[in-house]
């Protein structure tokens, strides 16, 4: 898997989303889970240049994007409608959104990406 295409990881009932953007000054996560607010969910930079955030989502289907230094993107370098990005779907603006489906298994959600 390309490091730029890392998917969410589920651990202890929480879902960790990450994106590699080593040169970014700030990265936020915006999606249907926070009303697409570009400043509501700041991600934290790890030592390796990845930006991470752990979500606690109820079961359901979610779309999201990263806001990297003020620029909205599905993945760095992957935001055109037909880029063929895995786990991305076209949106009404002509760009792509990441797609995430959270399935409920007791208290701990299991996450899987819905293919585009």
C-alpha atoms as a PDB file:
ATOM      1  CA  UNK A   1       0.000   0.000   0.000  1.00  0.00           C
ATOM      2  CA  UNK A   2       1.283   3.446  -0.906  1.00  0.00           C
ATOM      3  CA  UNK A   3       2.087   5.355   2.276  1.00  0.00           C
ATOM      4  CA  UNK A   4      -0.036   8.282   1.005  1.00  0.00           C
ATOM      5  CA  UNK A   5      -3.014   5.941   0.870  1.00  0.00           C
ATOM      6  CA  UNK A   6      -3.024   4.766   4.462  1.00  0.00           C
ATOM      7  CA  UNK A   7      -6.464   3.911   5.687  1.00  0.00           C
ATOM      8  CA  UNK A   8      -8.021   4.307   9.093  1.00  0.00           C
ATOM      9  CA  UNK A   9      -6.912   1.861  11.774  1.00  0.00           C
ATOM     10  CA  UNK A  10      -9.282   0.576  14.447  1.00  0.00           C
ATOM     11  CA  UNK A  11      -7.934   0.027  17.961  1.00  0.00           C
ATOM     12  CA  UNK A  12      -9.752  -0.277  21.291  1.00  0.00           C
ATOM     13  CA  UNK A  13     -13.068   0.911  19.808  1.00  0.00           C
ATOM     14  CA  UNK A  14     -11.574   4.050  18.286  1.00  0.00           C
ATOM     15  CA  UNK A  15     -10.668   4.794  14.688  1.00  0.00           C
ATOM     16  CA  UNK A  16      -7.338   6.436  13.809  1.00  0.00           C
ATOM     17  CA  UNK A  17      -7.147   8.331  10.508  1.00  0.00           C
ATOM     18  CA  UNK A  18      -3.769   9.332   9.089  1.00  0.00           C
ATOM     19  CA  UNK A  19      -2.292  11.089   6.097  1.00  0.00           C
ATOM     20  CA  UNK A  20       1.321  11.634   5.114  1.00  0.00           C
ATOM     21  CA  UNK A  21       2.092  15.325   4.652  1.00  0.00           C
ATOM     22  CA  UNK A  22       5.629  15.844   6.040  1.00  0.00           C
ATOM     23  CA  UNK A  23       5.944  19.430   4.794  1.00  0.00           C
ATOM     24  CA  UNK A  24       2.561  20.631   6.090  1.00  0.00           C
ATOM     25  CA  UNK A  25       2.294  23.265   8.804  1.00  0.00           C
ATOM     26  CA  UNK A  26      -1.227  22.221   9.832  1.00  0.00           C
ATOM     27  CA  UNK A  27      -3.709  19.512   8.874  1.00  0.00           C
ATOM     28  CA  UNK A  28      -7.378  19.241   9.767  1.00  0.00           C
ATOM     29  CA  UNK A  29      -9.955  16.523   9.206  1.00  0.00           C
ATOM     30  CA  UNK A  30     -13.355  17.621   7.868  1.00  0.00           C
ATOM     31  CA  UNK A  31     -16.306  15.436   7.010  1.00  0.00           C
ATOM     32  CA  UNK A  32     -19.877  14.452   7.556  1.00  0.00           C
ATOM     33  CA  UNK A  33     -19.021  13.658  11.206  1.00  0.00           C
ATOM     34  CA  UNK A  34     -18.223  17.340  11.966  1.00  0.00           C
ATOM     35  CA  UNK A  35     -20.467  19.132   9.428  1.00  0.00           C
ATOM     36  CA  UNK A  36     -17.487  19.678   7.101  1.00  0.00           C
ATOM     37  CA  UNK A  37     -15.985  22.255   9.472  1.00  0.00           C
ATOM     38  CA  UNK A  38     -12.407  22.797   8.190  1.00  0.00           C
ATOM     39  CA  UNK A  39     -11.080  23.887  11.601  1.00  0.00           C
ATOM     40  CA  UNK A  40     -13.057  21.633  13.992  1.00  0.00           C
ATOM     41  CA  UNK A  41     -10.736  18.617  13.984  1.00  0.00           C
ATOM     42  CA  UNK A  42      -6.994  19.411  14.075  1.00  0.00           C
ATOM     43  CA  UNK A  43      -4.716  16.466  13.389  1.00  0.00           C
ATOM     44  CA  UNK A  44      -1.471  15.868  15.274  1.00  0.00           C
ATOM     45  CA  UNK A  45       1.873  15.445  13.531  1.00  0.00           C
ATOM     46  CA  UNK A  46       3.838  12.300  14.313  1.00  0.00           C
ATOM     47  CA  UNK A  47       7.635  11.994  14.200  1.00  0.00           C
ATOM     48  CA  UNK A  48       7.538  10.328  10.785  1.00  0.00           C
ATOM     49  CA  UNK A  49       5.632  13.146   9.055  1.00  0.00           C
ATOM     50  CA  UNK A  50       2.212  11.497   9.249  1.00  0.00           C
ATOM     51  CA  UNK A  51      -0.698  13.481  10.657  1.00  0.00           C
ATOM     52  CA  UNK A  52      -3.099  11.478  12.811  1.00  0.00           C
ATOM     53  CA  UNK A  53      -6.421  11.875  14.571  1.00  0.00           C
ATOM     54  CA  UNK A  54      -8.438   9.307  16.508  1.00  0.00           C
ATOM     55  CA  UNK A  55     -12.187   9.412  15.953  1.00  0.00           C
ATOM     56  CA  UNK A  56     -14.910   7.794  18.040  1.00  0.00           C
ATOM     57  CA  UNK A  57     -17.697   7.280  15.499  1.00  0.00           C
ATOM     58  CA  UNK A  58     -21.073   5.615  15.759  1.00  0.00           C
ATOM     59  CA  UNK A  59     -21.843   2.968  13.158  1.00  0.00           C
ATOM     60  CA  UNK A  60     -22.653   4.539   9.804  1.00  0.00           C
ATOM     61  CA  UNK A  61     -21.292   5.778   6.506  1.00  0.00           C
ATOM     62  CA  UNK A  62     -19.038   8.846   6.496  1.00  0.00           C
ATOM     63  CA  UNK A  63     -17.276  10.964   3.900  1.00  0.00           C
ATOM     64  CA  UNK A  64     -14.282  13.119   4.738  1.00  0.00           C
ATOM     65  CA  UNK A  65     -11.355  15.107   3.393  1.00  0.00           C
ATOM     66  CA  UNK A  66      -8.107  16.481   4.733  1.00  0.00           C
ATOM     67  CA  UNK A  67      -7.473  20.238   4.898  1.00  0.00           C
ATOM     68  CA  UNK A  68      -3.713  20.590   4.480  1.00  0.00           C
ATOM     69  CA  UNK A  69      -2.392  24.124   4.953  1.00  0.00           C
ATOM     70  CA  UNK A  70      -5.830  25.455   3.968  1.00  0.00           C
ATOM     71  CA  UNK A  71      -6.198  23.247   0.867  1.00  0.00           C
ATOM     72  CA  UNK A  72      -8.942  20.599   0.787  1.00  0.00           C
ATOM     73  CA  UNK A  73      -7.856  17.213  -0.558  1.00  0.00           C
ATOM     74  CA  UNK A  74      -8.902  13.587  -0.536  1.00  0.00           C
ATOM     75  CA  UNK A  75      -5.234  12.559  -0.506  1.00  0.00           C
ATOM     76  CA  UNK A  76      -2.191  14.669  -1.347  1.00  0.00           C
ATOM     77  CA  UNK A  77      -1.852  14.527  -5.142  1.00  0.00           C
ATOM     78  CA  UNK A  78      -5.141  12.677  -5.590  1.00  0.00           C
ATOM     79  CA  UNK A  79      -8.169  14.922  -5.882  1.00  0.00           C
ATOM     80  CA  UNK A  80      -9.466  14.871  -9.441  1.00  0.00           C
ATOM     81  CA  UNK A  81     -12.745  13.097 -10.135  1.00  0.00           C
ATOM     82  CA  UNK A  82     -11.194  10.181 -12.047  1.00  0.00           C
ATOM     83  CA  UNK A  83      -7.825   9.771 -10.321  1.00  0.00           C
ATOM     84  CA  UNK A  84      -8.706   6.185  -9.382  1.00  0.00           C
ATOM     85  CA  UNK A  85      -7.923   6.714  -5.707  1.00  0.00           C
ATOM     86  CA  UNK A  86      -8.877   3.735  -3.592  1.00  0.00           C
ATOM     87  CA  UNK A  87     -11.575   4.404  -1.004  1.00  0.00           C
ATOM     88  CA  UNK A  88     -12.621   7.688  -2.650  1.00  0.00           C
ATOM     89  CA  UNK A  89     -15.912   8.771  -4.202  1.00  0.00           C
ATOM     90  CA  UNK A  90     -16.786  11.771  -6.383  1.00  0.00           C
ATOM     91  CA  UNK A  91     -18.630  14.641  -4.717  1.00  0.00           C
ATOM     92  CA  UNK A  92     -20.943  17.335  -6.105  1.00  0.00           C
ATOM     93  CA  UNK A  93     -18.027  19.802  -6.367  1.00  0.00           C
ATOM     94  CA  UNK A  94     -16.212  17.678  -8.961  1.00  0.00           C
ATOM     95  CA  UNK A  95     -13.509  16.478  -6.575  1.00  0.00           C
ATOM     96  CA  UNK A  96     -13.164  13.358  -4.437  1.00  0.00           C
ATOM     97  CA  UNK A  97     -14.056  12.489  -0.823  1.00  0.00           C
ATOM     98  CA  UNK A  98     -12.729   9.622   1.260  1.00  0.00           C
ATOM     99  CA  UNK A  99     -15.417   7.092   2.149  1.00  0.00           C
ATOM    100  CA  UNK A 100     -15.581   5.235   5.432  1.00  0.00           C
ATOM    101  CA  UNK A 101     -18.168   2.804   6.727  1.00  0.00           C
ATOM    102  CA  UNK A 102     -18.203   1.968  10.446  1.00  0.00           C
ATOM    103  CA  UNK A 103     -19.928  -1.270  11.379  1.00  0.00           C
ATOM    104  CA  UNK A 104     -21.075  -1.769  14.958  1.00  0.00           C
ATOM    105  CA  UNK A 105     -19.844  -4.843  16.813  1.00  0.00           C
ATOM    106  CA  UNK A 106     -20.927  -4.400  20.384  1.00  0.00           C
ATOM    107  CA  UNK A 107     -19.151  -1.343  21.781  1.00  0.00           C
ATOM    108  CA  UNK A 108     -16.146  -1.583  19.475  1.00  0.00           C
ATOM    109  CA  UNK A 109     -16.706  -0.400  15.888  1.00  0.00           C
ATOM    110  CA  UNK A 110     -15.018  -2.190  13.024  1.00  0.00           C
ATOM    111  CA  UNK A 111     -14.117   0.004  10.076  1.00  0.00           C
ATOM    112  CA  UNK A 112     -13.926  -0.864   6.441  1.00  0.00           C
ATOM    113  CA  UNK A 113     -13.626   1.265   3.354  1.00  0.00           C
ATOM    114  CA  UNK A 114     -16.332   1.037   0.753  1.00  0.00           C
ATOM    115  CA  UNK A 115     -14.774   0.684  -2.696  1.00  0.00           C
ATOM    116  CA  UNK A 116     -15.346   3.582  -5.066  1.00  0.00           C
END
